[in-house]
Amino acid sequence: MPHISVLYPEEDKQVVQIPEAGLLVGRDAFCDLRLKDEFVSMQHCKILFENGVFFLEDLGSTNGTFIDGTEVEEKSVLSKGQSIQIGITVMKADI
């Protein structure tokens, strides 16, 4: 099953599966992946699966969403092994 691994910060390391409905990431209690990073928006970004392709969509976050160091403007293709950074949190896609 496709998943995201939180690599940094050390105390937040975890692996979260990506359901078919997508994965909402942020600080809000209703997010599928809730992060304790003060630089992460309440509903920061979402990982989507559409037509056999994974996408990462920034939801208008304050500090941006980055794939391999490049800022996601709205919605970008997400591939296996890519690094995702939001705030100080670093994750890896295993999709």
N, C-alpha and C. Protein backbone atom coordinates (compact mmCIF):
# COMPACT_ATOMS: atom_id res chain seq x y z
N MET A 1 0.85 -1.19 0.00
CA MET A 1 0.00 0.00 0.00
C MET A 1 0.88 1.24 0.00
N PRO A 2 0.54 2.25 -0.78
CA PRO A 2 1.32 3.48 -0.81
C PRO A 2 1.29 4.19 0.54
N HIS A 3 2.42 4.81 0.89
CA HIS A 3 2.48 5.50 2.17
C HIS A 3 3.48 6.66 2.11
N ILE A 4 3.41 7.47 3.16
CA ILE A 4 4.31 8.60 3.38
C ILE A 4 5.05 8.33 4.69
N SER A 5 6.35 8.53 4.68
CA SER A 5 7.16 8.38 5.89
C SER A 5 7.60 9.75 6.37
N VAL A 6 7.28 10.08 7.61
CA VAL A 6 7.77 11.33 8.20
C VAL A 6 9.16 11.04 8.73
N LEU A 7 10.16 11.75 8.21
CA LEU A 7 11.56 11.50 8.56
C LEU A 7 12.11 12.48 9.58
N TYR A 8 11.61 13.72 9.55
CA TYR A 8 12.14 14.77 10.43
C TYR A 8 11.01 15.71 10.80
N PRO A 9 10.91 16.16 11.99
CA PRO A 9 11.83 15.98 13.11
C PRO A 9 11.77 14.57 13.69
N GLU A 10 12.84 14.22 14.33
CA GLU A 10 13.05 12.88 14.88
C GLU A 10 11.87 12.37 15.71
N GLU A 11 11.33 13.22 16.56
CA GLU A 11 10.25 12.79 17.46
C GLU A 11 8.92 12.54 16.74
N ASP A 12 8.82 12.99 15.49
CA ASP A 12 7.58 12.81 14.73
C ASP A 12 7.65 11.68 13.71
N LYS A 13 8.72 10.88 13.74
CA LYS A 13 8.86 9.80 12.76
C LYS A 13 7.64 8.88 12.82
N GLN A 14 7.08 8.63 11.64
CA GLN A 14 5.93 7.74 11.51
C GLN A 14 5.72 7.39 10.06
N VAL A 15 4.96 6.34 9.82
CA VAL A 15 4.59 5.93 8.47
C VAL A 15 3.07 5.94 8.40
N VAL A 16 2.53 6.61 7.36
CA VAL A 16 1.08 6.75 7.22
C VAL A 16 0.68 6.27 5.84
N GLN A 17 -0.27 5.34 5.79
CA GLN A 17 -0.77 4.86 4.51
C GLN A 17 -1.63 5.92 3.84
N ILE A 18 -1.61 5.92 2.51
CA ILE A 18 -2.41 6.87 1.74
C ILE A 18 -3.66 6.15 1.25
N PRO A 19 -4.83 6.48 1.81
CA PRO A 19 -6.07 5.83 1.38
C PRO A 19 -6.48 6.31 -0.02
N GLU A 20 -7.34 5.56 -0.66
CA GLU A 20 -7.81 5.92 -2.00
C GLU A 20 -8.46 7.30 -2.04
N ALA A 21 -9.09 7.70 -0.94
CA ALA A 21 -9.76 9.01 -0.87
C ALA A 21 -8.77 10.17 -0.74
N GLY A 22 -7.50 9.87 -0.53
CA GLY A 22 -6.48 10.90 -0.38
C GLY A 22 -6.07 11.07 1.07
N LEU A 23 -5.03 11.86 1.27
CA LEU A 23 -4.46 12.08 2.60
C LEU A 23 -4.34 13.58 2.83
N LEU A 24 -5.08 14.08 3.82
CA LEU A 24 -5.04 15.49 4.19
C LEU A 24 -3.97 15.67 5.26
N VAL A 25 -3.06 16.63 5.03
CA VAL A 25 -1.93 16.85 5.93
C VAL A 25 -2.00 18.26 6.50
N GLY A 26 -1.81 18.39 7.81
CA GLY A 26 -1.81 19.70 8.45
C GLY A 26 -1.79 19.60 9.96
N ARG A 27 -2.05 20.72 10.64
CA ARG A 27 -2.07 20.74 12.11
C ARG A 27 -3.45 20.49 12.69
N ASP A 28 -4.49 20.62 11.87
CA ASP A 28 -5.87 20.45 12.32
C ASP A 28 -6.11 19.03 12.83
N ALA A 29 -6.91 18.91 13.87
CA ALA A 29 -7.23 17.59 14.45
C ALA A 29 -7.95 16.69 13.45
N PHE A 30 -8.58 17.27 12.43
CA PHE A 30 -9.32 16.48 11.45
C PHE A 30 -8.45 15.98 10.30
N CYS A 31 -7.16 16.35 10.28
CA CYS A 31 -6.27 15.90 9.21
C CYS A 31 -5.93 14.42 9.37
N ASP A 32 -5.73 13.75 8.25
CA ASP A 32 -5.33 12.33 8.27
C ASP A 32 -3.92 12.17 8.82
N LEU A 33 -3.05 13.11 8.48
CA LEU A 33 -1.69 13.16 9.02
C LEU A 33 -1.54 14.49 9.73
N ARG A 34 -1.61 14.44 11.06
CA ARG A 34 -1.54 15.66 11.88
C ARG A 34 -0.11 15.88 12.32
N LEU A 35 0.40 17.08 12.03
CA LEU A 35 1.77 17.42 12.37
C LEU A 35 1.79 18.50 13.44
N LYS A 36 2.80 18.44 14.31
CA LYS A 36 2.93 19.40 15.41
C LYS A 36 3.90 20.51 15.06
N ASP A 37 4.03 20.83 13.80
CA ASP A 37 4.98 21.81 13.28
C ASP A 37 4.28 23.17 13.20
N GLU A 38 4.79 24.16 13.93
CA GLU A 38 4.16 25.49 13.96
C GLU A 38 4.19 26.20 12.60
N PHE A 39 5.02 25.73 11.67
CA PHE A 39 5.10 26.33 10.34
C PHE A 39 4.19 25.65 9.32
N VAL A 40 3.41 24.68 9.79
CA VAL A 40 2.45 23.95 8.95
C VAL A 40 1.07 24.57 9.15
N SER A 41 0.36 24.82 8.06
CA SER A 41 -1.00 25.36 8.16
C SER A 41 -1.97 24.32 8.70
N MET A 42 -3.11 24.77 9.16
CA MET A 42 -4.11 23.85 9.72
C MET A 42 -4.47 22.75 8.72
N GLN A 43 -4.75 23.12 7.49
CA GLN A 43 -4.95 22.17 6.40
C GLN A 43 -3.98 22.59 5.30
N HIS A 44 -2.81 21.99 5.33
CA HIS A 44 -1.67 22.46 4.54
C HIS A 44 -1.67 21.93 3.10
N CYS A 45 -1.79 20.62 2.95
CA CYS A 45 -1.74 20.02 1.61
C CYS A 45 -2.49 18.69 1.61
N LYS A 46 -2.68 18.17 0.40
CA LYS A 46 -3.39 16.90 0.26
C LYS A 46 -2.69 16.06 -0.79
N ILE A 47 -2.58 14.77 -0.53
CA ILE A 47 -2.07 13.82 -1.52
C ILE A 47 -3.28 13.13 -2.13
N LEU A 48 -3.36 13.19 -3.46
CA LEU A 48 -4.50 12.66 -4.20
C LEU A 48 -4.05 11.56 -5.14
N PHE A 49 -4.96 10.64 -5.46
CA PHE A 49 -4.72 9.60 -6.46
C PHE A 49 -5.80 9.73 -7.51
N GLU A 50 -5.38 10.15 -8.72
CA GLU A 50 -6.34 10.37 -9.81
C GLU A 50 -5.83 9.72 -11.08
N ASN A 51 -6.66 8.90 -11.70
CA ASN A 51 -6.33 8.26 -12.98
C ASN A 51 -4.97 7.56 -12.95
N GLY A 52 -4.69 6.87 -11.82
CA GLY A 52 -3.47 6.09 -11.70
C GLY A 52 -2.22 6.89 -11.37
N VAL A 53 -2.38 8.17 -11.04
CA VAL A 53 -1.24 9.05 -10.76
C VAL A 53 -1.44 9.71 -9.39
N PHE A 54 -0.36 9.81 -8.61
CA PHE A 54 -0.40 10.52 -7.33
C PHE A 54 -0.05 11.99 -7.57
N PHE A 55 -0.76 12.86 -6.87
CA PHE A 55 -0.53 14.30 -6.93
C PHE A 55 -0.40 14.84 -5.51
N LEU A 56 0.37 15.91 -5.38
CA LEU A 56 0.45 16.66 -4.13
C LEU A 56 -0.12 18.04 -4.43
N GLU A 57 -1.12 18.43 -3.65
CA GLU A 57 -1.78 19.72 -3.86
C GLU A 57 -1.61 20.60 -2.63
N ASP A 58 -1.05 21.78 -2.82
CA ASP A 58 -0.96 22.76 -1.74
C ASP A 58 -2.34 23.39 -1.59
N LEU A 59 -2.80 23.55 -0.35
CA LEU A 59 -4.15 24.06 -0.09
C LEU A 59 -4.12 25.53 0.33
N GLY A 60 -3.24 26.31 -0.29
CA GLY A 60 -3.14 27.73 0.05
C GLY A 60 -2.39 27.96 1.33
N SER A 61 -1.42 27.11 1.63
CA SER A 61 -0.67 27.22 2.87
C SER A 61 0.12 28.53 2.94
N THR A 62 0.44 28.94 4.15
CA THR A 62 1.19 30.17 4.36
C THR A 62 2.65 30.02 3.97
N ASN A 63 3.28 28.89 4.31
CA ASN A 63 4.72 28.72 4.11
C ASN A 63 5.10 27.83 2.94
N GLY A 64 4.12 27.35 2.20
CA GLY A 64 4.42 26.58 1.00
C GLY A 64 4.64 25.09 1.23
N THR A 65 4.61 24.37 0.13
CA THR A 65 4.82 22.93 0.09
C THR A 65 5.89 22.68 -0.97
N PHE A 66 6.87 21.83 -0.67
CA PHE A 66 8.00 21.63 -1.57
C PHE A 66 8.19 20.15 -1.88
N ILE A 67 8.44 19.84 -3.16
CA ILE A 67 8.81 18.50 -3.59
C ILE A 67 10.23 18.58 -4.10
N ASP A 68 11.14 17.84 -3.48
CA ASP A 68 12.56 17.86 -3.85
C ASP A 68 13.09 19.29 -3.98
N GLY A 69 12.67 20.17 -3.07
CA GLY A 69 13.16 21.54 -3.02
C GLY A 69 12.46 22.54 -3.93
N THR A 70 11.54 22.06 -4.76
CA THR A 70 10.80 22.95 -5.66
C THR A 70 9.41 23.19 -5.11
N GLU A 71 9.02 24.46 -5.01
CA GLU A 71 7.72 24.79 -4.45
C GLU A 71 6.58 24.33 -5.36
N VAL A 72 5.57 23.72 -4.73
CA VAL A 72 4.37 23.29 -5.44
C VAL A 72 3.46 24.50 -5.56
N GLU A 73 3.17 24.90 -6.77
CA GLU A 73 2.33 26.08 -6.99
C GLU A 73 0.87 25.77 -6.67
N GLU A 74 0.35 24.71 -7.19
CA GLU A 74 -1.03 24.30 -6.90
C GLU A 74 -1.08 22.78 -6.72
N LYS A 75 -0.80 22.07 -7.80
CA LYS A 75 -0.90 20.61 -7.79
C LYS A 75 0.22 20.06 -8.66
N SER A 76 1.01 19.12 -8.10
CA SER A 76 2.14 18.55 -8.84
C SER A 76 2.12 17.03 -8.73
N VAL A 77 2.64 16.38 -9.77
CA VAL A 77 2.77 14.93 -9.75
C VAL A 77 3.76 14.55 -8.66
N LEU A 78 3.44 13.48 -7.92
CA LEU A 78 4.29 12.99 -6.85
C LEU A 78 4.74 11.59 -7.21
N SER A 79 6.05 11.36 -7.20
CA SER A 79 6.62 10.06 -7.58
C SER A 79 7.32 9.40 -6.41
N LYS A 80 7.51 8.10 -6.53
CA LYS A 80 8.17 7.31 -5.48
C LYS A 80 9.55 7.88 -5.16
N GLY A 81 9.82 7.97 -3.87
CA GLY A 81 11.13 8.40 -3.40
C GLY A 81 11.32 9.89 -3.29
N GLN A 82 10.35 10.66 -3.75
CA GLN A 82 10.52 12.12 -3.67
C GLN A 82 10.39 12.61 -2.23
N SER A 83 11.10 13.68 -1.96
CA SER A 83 11.08 14.31 -0.65
C SER A 83 10.02 15.42 -0.65
N ILE A 84 9.25 15.46 0.42
CA ILE A 84 8.22 16.49 0.60
C ILE A 84 8.60 17.27 1.85
N GLN A 85 8.59 18.60 1.75
CA GLN A 85 8.85 19.42 2.93
C GLN A 85 7.73 20.43 3.10
N ILE A 86 7.18 20.45 4.31
CA ILE A 86 6.23 21.47 4.71
C ILE A 86 6.67 21.94 6.09
N GLY A 87 6.85 23.24 6.23
CA GLY A 87 7.42 23.76 7.48
C GLY A 87 8.81 23.17 7.65
N ILE A 88 9.10 22.67 8.85
CA ILE A 88 10.39 22.00 9.07
C ILE A 88 10.26 20.48 8.93
N THR A 89 9.05 20.02 8.64
CA THR A 89 8.80 18.58 8.52
C THR A 89 9.20 18.08 7.14
N VAL A 90 9.96 16.97 7.14
CA VAL A 90 10.41 16.33 5.91
C VAL A 90 9.81 14.94 5.83
N MET A 91 9.22 14.62 4.68
CA MET A 91 8.59 13.33 4.47
C MET A 91 9.12 12.72 3.17
N LYS A 92 8.93 11.40 3.02
CA LYS A 92 9.33 10.72 1.81
C LYS A 92 8.14 9.95 1.28
N ALA A 93 7.92 10.04 -0.03
CA ALA A 93 6.82 9.34 -0.68
C ALA A 93 7.26 7.92 -1.05
N ASP A 94 6.48 6.94 -0.66
CA ASP A 94 6.70 5.55 -1.07
C ASP A 94 5.41 5.08 -1.73
N ILE A 95 5.24 5.48 -2.98
CA ILE A 95 3.99 5.22 -3.69
C ILE A 95 4.22 4.39 -4.93
